[in-house]
Amino acid sequence: MQKILFIIYVEDQNRSKVFYENILGIKPILDVPGMTEFQINPYTKLGIMPEAGIANLLGFKVPHITERNSLPKCEIYLFVNDPQQAYFNAINNGAKPICEVKVYDWGDEVAYCSDMDENIIAFAKTI
């Protein structure tokens, strides 16, 4: 299996680092100016990069990230043992509520919220 690094862009790297530490229940394996990384499993990492960092990397090749702040930028779909508990933990740590737990037709029980940068977070359990 290949290794994967997913990177989300955030307004405040430190604020988002603390938020994701609290909802993932793990400490970052890398935390330097411009990038924080969490090792989700042996093959997958979640990276947090300040919006200014991606603007510097890609320049004018893509629209500036702040021009799209009203749109969700991504969805992080996390499989957990207790979606309701994970959802309330996220809300208690600053997430914005979207939808409490319900069963969807694809067979998962899922609760949705968003982080402070409008990235969607789903807490799911296959039933």
Protein backbone atom coordinates (compact mmCIF):
# COMPACT_ATOMS: atom_id res chain seq x y z
CA MET A 1 0.00 0.00 0.00
CA GLN A 2 1.20 3.52 -0.78
CA LYS A 3 1.40 6.21 1.84
CA ILE A 4 -1.05 9.13 1.63
CA LEU A 5 -0.85 12.64 3.06
CA PHE A 6 -4.07 14.67 2.99
CA ILE A 7 -3.53 18.39 3.58
CA ILE A 8 -6.19 20.86 4.63
CA TYR A 9 -5.72 24.63 4.50
CA VAL A 10 -6.54 26.64 7.59
CA GLU A 11 -6.53 30.24 8.72
CA ASP A 12 -4.76 29.60 12.02
CA GLN A 13 -2.40 26.60 12.13
CA ASN A 14 -2.02 26.51 15.93
CA ARG A 15 -5.78 26.79 16.59
CA SER A 16 -6.44 23.95 14.14
CA LYS A 17 -3.61 21.84 15.58
CA VAL A 18 -5.19 22.01 19.05
CA PHE A 19 -8.65 21.27 17.61
CA TYR A 20 -7.48 18.18 15.67
CA GLU A 21 -5.41 16.95 18.63
CA ASN A 22 -8.61 17.00 20.67
CA ILE A 23 -10.90 15.32 18.15
CA LEU A 24 -8.37 12.74 16.88
CA GLY A 25 -7.00 12.01 20.35
CA ILE A 26 -3.39 12.03 19.10
CA LYS A 27 -0.46 14.44 19.08
CA PRO A 28 1.09 15.61 15.81
CA ILE A 29 4.21 13.87 14.56
CA LEU A 30 5.36 17.12 12.93
CA ASP A 31 4.60 20.64 14.08
CA VAL A 32 6.70 23.36 12.46
CA PRO A 33 5.78 26.77 11.06
CA GLY A 34 3.86 26.04 7.87
CA MET A 35 2.88 22.40 8.53
CA THR A 36 1.43 20.17 11.22
CA GLU A 37 0.99 16.44 10.52
CA PHE A 38 -0.96 13.73 12.33
CA GLN A 39 -0.21 10.04 11.72
CA ILE A 40 -3.70 8.55 11.34
CA ASN A 41 -2.46 5.01 10.63
CA PRO A 42 0.77 3.54 9.20
CA TYR A 43 -0.19 4.66 5.68
CA THR A 44 -2.18 7.87 6.20
CA LYS A 45 -1.34 11.33 7.52
CA LEU A 46 -3.47 14.43 7.92
CA GLY A 47 -1.59 17.67 7.32
CA ILE A 48 -2.59 21.19 8.37
CA MET A 49 -1.13 24.06 6.34
CA PRO A 50 -1.83 27.75 6.79
CA GLU A 51 -3.74 29.34 3.89
CA ALA A 52 -0.82 31.71 3.30
CA GLY A 53 1.45 28.69 2.80
CA ILE A 54 -0.55 27.23 -0.07
CA ALA A 55 -0.92 30.68 -1.62
CA ASN A 56 2.89 31.01 -1.53
CA LEU A 57 3.40 27.54 -3.01
CA LEU A 58 0.91 27.78 -5.87
CA GLY A 59 0.82 31.52 -6.43
CA PHE A 60 -1.63 32.65 -9.08
CA LYS A 61 -2.11 29.16 -10.56
CA VAL A 62 -5.27 28.64 -8.47
CA PRO A 63 -7.75 31.11 -6.93
CA HIS A 64 -6.54 32.43 -3.60
CA ILE A 65 -7.95 30.22 -0.84
CA THR A 66 -9.54 33.16 1.00
CA GLU A 67 -11.69 33.94 -2.07
CA ARG A 68 -13.57 30.70 -1.40
CA ASN A 69 -14.07 30.92 2.37
CA SER A 70 -17.83 30.48 2.13
CA LEU A 71 -17.48 27.01 0.61
CA PRO A 72 -16.49 23.78 2.32
CA LYS A 73 -12.97 22.94 1.18
CA CYS A 74 -12.99 19.22 1.97
CA GLU A 75 -14.66 16.49 3.99
CA ILE A 76 -12.76 14.39 6.50
CA TYR A 77 -14.71 11.15 6.97
CA LEU A 78 -13.58 9.48 10.20
CA PHE A 79 -14.70 6.02 11.25
CA VAL A 80 -15.16 5.95 15.02
CA ASN A 81 -16.71 3.64 17.61
CA ASP A 82 -19.26 6.20 18.79
CA PRO A 83 -20.21 8.89 16.23
CA GLN A 84 -22.45 10.75 18.68
CA GLN A 85 -19.71 11.01 21.32
CA ALA A 86 -17.11 12.07 18.74
CA TYR A 87 -19.52 14.68 17.34
CA PHE A 88 -20.19 16.23 20.77
CA ASN A 89 -16.46 16.16 21.56
CA ALA A 90 -15.82 18.12 18.36
CA ILE A 91 -18.61 20.62 19.17
CA ASN A 92 -17.17 21.08 22.68
CA ASN A 93 -13.80 21.84 21.06
CA GLY A 94 -15.12 24.55 18.73
CA ALA A 95 -16.62 22.70 15.77
CA LYS A 96 -19.80 24.06 14.19
CA PRO A 97 -22.74 21.63 14.31
CA ILE A 98 -24.28 20.53 11.02
CA CYS A 99 -26.22 17.31 11.65
CA GLU A 100 -26.38 14.99 14.65
CA VAL A 101 -26.15 11.25 14.12
CA LYS A 102 -28.48 9.63 11.64
CA VAL A 103 -28.38 6.52 9.48
CA TYR A 104 -27.75 7.09 5.76
CA ASP A 105 -28.71 4.85 2.87
CA TRP A 106 -25.08 3.84 2.22
CA GLY A 107 -25.12 1.96 5.53
CA ASP A 108 -23.30 4.30 7.87
CA GLU A 109 -24.45 6.08 10.99
CA VAL A 110 -22.93 9.58 10.61
CA ALA A 111 -22.81 12.93 12.41
CA TYR A 112 -21.55 16.04 10.57
CA CYS A 113 -19.87 19.21 11.79
CA SER A 114 -17.31 21.64 10.43
CA ASP A 115 -14.05 22.95 11.77
CA MET A 116 -13.30 26.65 12.12
CA ASP A 117 -12.25 26.81 8.46
CA GLU A 118 -15.45 25.25 7.09
CA ASN A 119 -13.85 21.85 6.43
CA ILE A 120 -16.56 19.22 6.89
CA ILE A 121 -15.91 16.49 9.45
CA ALA A 122 -18.00 13.32 9.43
CA PHE A 123 -17.93 10.88 12.34
CA ALA A 124 -19.14 7.54 11.01
CA LYS A 125 -19.78 3.97 12.03
CA THR A 126 -20.81 1.24 9.59
CA ILE A 127 -23.89 -0.53 10.91
